[in-house]
């Protein structure tokens, strides 16, 4: 795979399912990644965890993101990811939520660069497809370990590192420190560095590339309710979709969610509708209607009325 010069959809728990990933691919994303799945869960209950790994051929190139702290489990899970036909494996070493870090996974790995290397080496040795890692600046503000962690990961044979330059304690507050991305690229000039964090507009993406020298840009929260942002980044002109085109995509999103998941898919669409309505006059009143969305008919009615 070529990871340079790409716009990448970040893995987002509860958001980047197969339907949303395909919509982003069709609207300019070059690479997409599944929401994170537990390596242990995939090994112990592949049927249940495997539901998060459903994908369509139209999504390619598509990667699967794993989290875990045991190199042996990561190796076996990475092998399973390859068996399922994914194009690459991404290892989550940046998730800040307590239920992940409490088990020693996600951002907790940043406190132990050697373990990060062992996990990456295990995945590289087992997968037979490219392995990447997504990290933060560090587990705590007092010790930024991203350079040491990245060195271990690259030495293990990883194809790329994505840096979200906040430490774990910041969660998603404050500002992402892009100088960390620039420092990482300077430290590893021949390696693929993917920048992530605080990309909200097409101009932000261009500015990150210019200021940091990173090879690619990953967008996450900016794509929620706005899959068109990838095309806007590429053209530099901002959203060019008409109201009719927006409404058609939203309707299609909901219809496909119902076909895939039935009534639970309609309940999932409530949060997407809230994101799609951001910045539109009357959106607060519209969001108050969303608890009533429970089937295709009610979904279509609120979308046709508001959008």
Protein backbone atom coordinates (compact mmCIF):
# COMPACT_ATOMS: atom_id res chain seq x y z
CA UNK A 1 0.00 0.00 0.00
CA UNK A 2 0.96 3.61 -0.54
CA UNK A 3 0.26 5.70 2.52
CA UNK A 4 1.82 8.93 1.24
CA UNK A 5 -0.25 11.78 -0.17
CA UNK A 6 -3.55 10.45 1.15
CA UNK A 7 -6.64 11.73 2.94
CA UNK A 8 -7.62 9.11 5.49
CA UNK A 9 -10.82 8.60 7.44
CA UNK A 10 -9.91 8.00 11.08
CA UNK A 11 -11.33 5.06 13.02
CA UNK A 12 -14.16 6.39 15.18
CA UNK A 13 -15.96 4.14 17.65
CA UNK A 14 -19.66 3.96 16.89
CA UNK A 15 -19.29 6.01 13.72
CA UNK A 16 -17.09 4.49 11.02
CA UNK A 17 -19.13 1.44 10.12
CA UNK A 18 -19.19 0.05 6.58
CA UNK A 19 -21.97 2.36 5.39
CA UNK A 20 -20.32 5.55 6.59
CA UNK A 21 -16.89 4.47 5.35
CA UNK A 22 -18.22 3.87 1.86
CA UNK A 23 -19.92 7.27 1.79
CA UNK A 24 -16.61 8.88 2.74
CA UNK A 25 -14.74 6.90 0.08
CA UNK A 26 -17.22 8.03 -2.56
CA UNK A 27 -16.75 11.62 -1.44
CA UNK A 28 -12.98 11.78 -1.59
CA UNK A 29 -11.43 9.75 1.25
CA UNK A 30 -8.47 7.76 -0.10
CA UNK A 31 -8.21 5.26 2.76
CA UNK A 32 -10.70 4.21 5.45
CA UNK A 33 -10.31 2.31 8.72
CA UNK A 34 -12.82 0.36 10.80
CA UNK A 35 -13.69 1.40 14.32
CA UNK A 36 -11.38 -0.25 16.82
CA UNK A 37 -11.99 -3.86 17.81
CA UNK A 38 -10.56 -5.78 20.72
CA UNK A 39 -7.89 -8.31 19.81
CA UNK A 40 -8.99 -10.45 22.75
CA UNK A 41 -12.64 -10.13 21.75
CA UNK A 42 -11.88 -11.14 18.17
CA UNK A 43 -10.11 -14.28 19.37
CA UNK A 44 -12.61 -15.25 22.08
CA UNK A 45 -15.86 -14.34 20.32
CA UNK A 46 -15.16 -13.88 16.59
CA UNK A 47 -18.83 -13.88 15.61
CA UNK A 48 -19.77 -11.02 17.92
CA UNK A 49 -16.65 -8.91 17.44
CA UNK A 50 -16.57 -9.72 13.75
CA UNK A 51 -19.72 -7.67 13.23
CA UNK A 52 -17.55 -4.57 13.49
CA UNK A 53 -15.30 -5.92 10.74
CA UNK A 54 -17.88 -6.14 7.97
CA UNK A 55 -16.74 -4.23 4.88
CA UNK A 56 -17.52 -3.84 1.19
CA UNK A 57 -15.11 -4.16 -1.71
CA UNK A 58 -15.96 -0.58 -2.70
CA UNK A 59 -14.22 0.64 0.45
CA UNK A 60 -10.76 -0.49 -0.57
CA UNK A 61 -8.18 0.26 0.55
CA UNK A 62 -9.62 -0.49 3.98
CA UNK A 63 -7.79 -1.24 7.20
CA UNK A 64 -8.94 -2.76 10.48
CA UNK A 65 -7.92 -1.26 13.80
CA UNK A 66 -7.08 -3.50 16.75
CA UNK A 67 -6.53 -2.65 20.39
CA UNK A 68 -4.88 -4.77 23.04
CA UNK A 69 -1.80 -4.95 25.22
CA UNK A 70 -0.71 -8.57 24.75
CA UNK A 71 1.67 -9.05 21.79
CA UNK A 72 0.61 -12.67 21.40
CA UNK A 73 -3.06 -11.77 21.17
CA UNK A 74 -2.30 -8.91 18.79
CA UNK A 75 -0.34 -11.30 16.56
CA UNK A 76 -3.17 -13.81 16.33
CA UNK A 77 -5.75 -11.07 15.80
CA UNK A 78 -3.63 -9.43 13.08
CA UNK A 79 -3.40 -12.79 11.34
CA UNK A 80 -7.19 -13.03 11.48
CA UNK A 81 -7.53 -9.51 10.06
CA UNK A 82 -5.35 -10.52 7.12
CA UNK A 83 -7.38 -13.70 6.65
CA UNK A 84 -10.51 -11.59 6.36
CA UNK A 85 -8.97 -9.76 3.42
CA UNK A 86 -8.20 -6.33 4.84
CA UNK A 87 -5.51 -4.23 3.17
CA UNK A 88 -3.68 -3.32 6.38
CA UNK A 89 -3.80 -3.56 10.17
CA UNK A 90 -3.75 -0.49 12.41
CA UNK A 91 -2.84 -0.79 16.08
CA UNK A 92 -4.57 1.61 18.46
CA UNK A 93 -2.07 3.13 20.88
CA UNK A 94 -3.93 6.37 21.44
CA UNK A 95 -7.46 5.77 22.71
CA UNK A 96 -7.76 7.79 25.94
CA UNK A 97 -10.97 6.33 27.41
CA UNK A 98 -10.63 4.63 30.78
CA UNK A 99 -12.25 1.33 29.81
CA UNK A 100 -9.47 0.88 27.23
CA UNK A 101 -6.50 2.32 29.09
CA UNK A 102 -7.55 0.60 32.31
CA UNK A 103 -6.68 -2.72 30.70
CA UNK A 104 -3.30 -1.44 29.58
CA UNK A 105 -4.37 -0.85 25.97
CA UNK A 106 -4.78 2.27 23.85
CA UNK A 107 -2.92 5.31 25.15
CA UNK A 108 -1.65 3.35 28.18
CA UNK A 109 0.89 1.69 25.87
CA UNK A 110 2.58 5.06 25.40
CA UNK A 111 4.00 4.79 28.92
CA UNK A 112 6.01 1.76 27.77
CA UNK A 113 7.76 2.34 24.42
CA UNK A 114 9.33 -1.11 24.51
CA UNK A 115 5.90 -2.74 24.75
CA UNK A 116 4.76 -0.63 21.80
CA UNK A 117 7.60 -2.10 19.79
CA UNK A 118 6.81 -5.65 20.90
CA UNK A 119 3.17 -5.24 19.89
CA UNK A 120 4.08 -3.78 16.50
CA UNK A 121 6.69 -6.50 15.89
CA UNK A 122 4.17 -9.22 16.74
CA UNK A 123 1.62 -7.78 14.31
CA UNK A 124 4.17 -7.32 11.52
CA UNK A 125 5.42 -10.85 11.94
CA UNK A 126 1.98 -12.41 11.83
CA UNK A 127 -0.09 -10.30 9.45
CA UNK A 128 1.70 -10.48 6.12
CA UNK A 129 0.05 -7.16 5.21
CA UNK A 130 1.15 -3.61 6.16
CA UNK A 131 0.91 -2.65 9.82
CA UNK A 132 0.41 0.92 11.05
CA UNK A 133 -0.08 2.45 14.49
CA UNK A 134 -2.09 5.42 15.74
CA UNK A 135 -0.59 7.14 18.79
CA UNK A 136 -0.82 10.25 20.94
CA UNK A 137 1.96 12.48 22.23
CA UNK A 138 2.12 10.63 25.53
CA UNK A 139 0.13 9.11 28.35
CA UNK A 140 0.71 12.07 30.67
CA UNK A 141 1.62 15.70 30.10
CA UNK A 142 4.81 15.28 32.13
CA UNK A 143 6.33 12.81 29.68
CA UNK A 144 5.85 12.98 25.93
CA UNK A 145 6.92 9.61 24.56
CA UNK A 146 5.82 9.85 20.94
CA UNK A 147 9.38 9.96 19.57
CA UNK A 148 10.50 6.91 21.54
CA UNK A 149 7.30 5.02 20.80
CA UNK A 150 7.51 5.79 17.08
CA UNK A 151 11.15 4.67 16.98
CA UNK A 152 10.19 1.31 18.45
CA UNK A 153 7.25 0.96 16.06
CA UNK A 154 9.28 1.77 12.97
CA UNK A 155 12.11 -0.51 14.06
CA UNK A 156 9.55 -3.29 14.31
CA UNK A 157 8.74 -2.85 10.62
CA UNK A 158 5.57 -0.75 10.68
CA UNK A 159 4.62 1.04 7.46
CA UNK A 160 3.37 4.29 9.03
CA UNK A 161 2.61 6.10 12.29
CA UNK A 162 -0.35 8.41 12.77
CA UNK A 163 0.15 11.02 15.48
CA UNK A 164 -2.71 12.80 17.24
CA UNK A 165 -0.65 15.40 19.15
CA UNK A 166 -2.53 15.52 22.41
CA UNK A 167 -1.56 13.59 25.52
CA UNK A 168 -4.01 11.17 27.06
CA UNK A 169 -5.15 13.52 29.80
CA UNK A 170 -6.34 16.11 27.30
CA UNK A 171 -8.83 13.71 25.75
CA UNK A 172 -10.11 15.98 22.94
CA UNK A 173 -9.88 19.29 24.80
CA UNK A 174 -7.47 22.13 24.17
CA UNK A 175 -5.51 22.35 20.94
CA UNK A 176 -3.56 19.68 19.12
CA UNK A 177 0.14 20.58 19.16
CA UNK A 178 1.12 20.23 15.52
CA UNK A 179 4.75 20.96 16.42
CA UNK A 180 4.89 17.35 17.64
CA UNK A 181 3.96 16.13 14.16
CA UNK A 182 6.70 18.31 12.68
CA UNK A 183 9.22 16.99 15.24
CA UNK A 184 8.24 13.41 14.46
CA UNK A 185 8.71 13.95 10.73
CA UNK A 186 12.07 15.60 11.36
CA UNK A 187 13.16 12.66 13.51
CA UNK A 188 12.08 10.10 10.90
CA UNK A 189 12.33 11.87 7.54
CA UNK A 190 12.20 8.71 5.46
CA UNK A 191 9.21 7.22 7.25
CA UNK A 192 5.51 7.80 6.63
CA UNK A 193 4.04 10.18 9.20
CA UNK A 194 0.30 10.81 9.15
CA UNK A 195 -0.97 13.93 10.90
CA UNK A 196 -4.25 13.97 12.82
CA UNK A 197 -5.99 16.45 15.08
CA UNK A 198 -7.94 19.71 14.73
CA UNK A 199 -8.60 19.40 11.01
CA UNK A 200 -11.93 21.20 10.77
CA UNK A 201 -11.76 22.92 7.36
CA UNK A 202 -10.07 22.31 4.01
CA UNK A 203 -7.62 25.06 4.88
CA UNK A 204 -6.63 23.28 8.09
CA UNK A 205 -5.54 20.21 6.15
CA UNK A 206 -3.39 22.25 3.78
CA UNK A 207 -1.90 24.14 6.71
CA UNK A 208 -1.00 20.96 8.56
CA UNK A 209 0.82 19.60 5.52
CA UNK A 210 2.69 22.87 5.07
CA UNK A 211 3.58 23.40 8.73
CA UNK A 212 4.54 19.86 9.69
CA UNK A 213 5.79 18.21 6.51
CA UNK A 214 3.68 15.15 7.28
CA UNK A 215 3.02 12.72 4.46
CA UNK A 216 -0.75 12.36 4.80
CA UNK A 217 -3.65 13.76 6.80
CA UNK A 218 -6.24 11.83 8.79
CA UNK A 219 -9.65 13.36 9.49
CA UNK A 220 -12.00 12.10 12.16
CA UNK A 221 -14.60 14.23 13.92
CA UNK A 222 -14.70 16.74 11.04
CA UNK A 223 -16.25 14.02 8.87
CA UNK A 224 -19.13 13.34 11.26
CA UNK A 225 -22.17 14.68 9.44
CA UNK A 226 -19.87 15.91 6.69
CA UNK A 227 -18.51 13.12 4.48
CA UNK A 228 -18.09 15.77 1.79
CA UNK A 229 -15.13 17.29 3.63
CA UNK A 230 -12.68 14.99 1.85
CA UNK A 231 -13.66 16.33 -1.57
CA UNK A 232 -13.56 19.86 -0.16
CA UNK A 233 -10.01 19.34 1.10
CA UNK A 234 -8.91 18.14 -2.32
CA UNK A 235 -10.46 21.06 -4.16
CA UNK A 236 -9.78 23.63 -1.45
CA UNK A 237 -13.10 25.29 -2.15
CA UNK A 238 -15.27 24.08 0.70
CA UNK A 239 -18.54 22.14 0.37
CA UNK A 240 -19.92 22.18 -3.16
CA UNK A 241 -22.96 19.97 -2.58
CA UNK A 242 -26.45 21.22 -3.34
CA UNK A 243 -29.27 20.86 -0.81
CA UNK A 244 -30.81 18.18 -3.02
CA UNK A 245 -27.56 16.22 -3.13
CA UNK A 246 -27.15 16.47 0.65
CA UNK A 247 -30.69 15.25 1.21
CA UNK A 248 -30.20 12.36 -1.20
CA UNK A 249 -27.04 11.20 0.56
CA UNK A 250 -28.65 11.43 4.00
CA UNK A 251 -31.64 9.42 2.80
CA UNK A 252 -29.35 6.82 1.29
CA UNK A 253 -27.33 6.65 4.52
CA UNK A 254 -30.45 5.83 6.52
CA UNK A 255 -31.85 3.37 4.00
CA UNK A 256 -28.61 1.41 3.90
CA UNK A 257 -28.37 1.43 7.70
CA UNK A 258 -31.85 -0.10 7.87
CA UNK A 259 -30.97 -2.75 5.27
CA UNK A 260 -27.85 -3.70 7.24
CA UNK A 261 -29.13 -3.49 10.79
CA UNK A 262 -32.91 -3.23 10.79
CA UNK A 263 -34.55 -1.04 13.51
CA UNK A 264 -31.26 -0.66 15.44
CA UNK A 265 -29.85 0.99 12.33
CA UNK A 266 -32.58 3.61 12.53
CA UNK A 267 -31.71 4.35 16.13
CA UNK A 268 -28.07 4.70 15.10
CA UNK A 269 -29.09 7.25 12.49
CA UNK A 270 -30.37 9.63 15.16
CA UNK A 271 -26.85 10.75 16.05
CA UNK A 272 -25.89 11.01 12.38
CA UNK A 273 -28.93 13.22 11.75
CA UNK A 274 -27.88 15.44 14.64
CA UNK A 275 -24.44 15.80 13.04
CA UNK A 276 -25.86 16.37 9.55
CA UNK A 277 -28.03 19.21 10.91
CA UNK A 278 -25.21 21.14 12.60
CA UNK A 279 -25.07 24.78 11.56
CA UNK A 280 -28.46 24.75 9.83
CA UNK A 281 -31.14 27.14 11.15
CA UNK A 282 -33.72 25.26 13.18
CA UNK A 283 -31.39 22.39 14.00
CA UNK A 284 -32.11 22.53 17.74
CA UNK A 285 -35.82 21.97 17.16
CA UNK A 286 -35.00 19.28 14.61
CA UNK A 287 -32.87 17.38 17.11
CA UNK A 288 -35.78 17.32 19.55
CA UNK A 289 -37.68 15.24 16.98
CA UNK A 290 -34.98 12.60 16.61
CA UNK A 291 -36.13 10.29 19.45
CA UNK A 292 -39.22 9.64 17.27
CA UNK A 293 -37.09 8.21 14.45
CA UNK A 294 -37.58 4.46 14.70
CA UNK A 295 -38.33 3.13 11.22
CA UNK A 296 -37.74 4.04 7.56
CA UNK A 297 -41.00 5.98 7.32
CA UNK A 298 -40.33 8.24 10.29
CA UNK A 299 -36.72 8.66 9.16
CA UNK A 300 -37.70 9.72 5.66
CA UNK A 301 -40.37 12.07 6.99
CA UNK A 302 -38.02 14.07 9.23
CA UNK A 303 -35.30 14.19 6.57
CA UNK A 304 -37.65 15.35 3.81
CA UNK A 305 -39.13 17.99 6.11
CA UNK A 306 -35.88 19.42 7.46
CA UNK A 307 -33.34 18.94 4.68
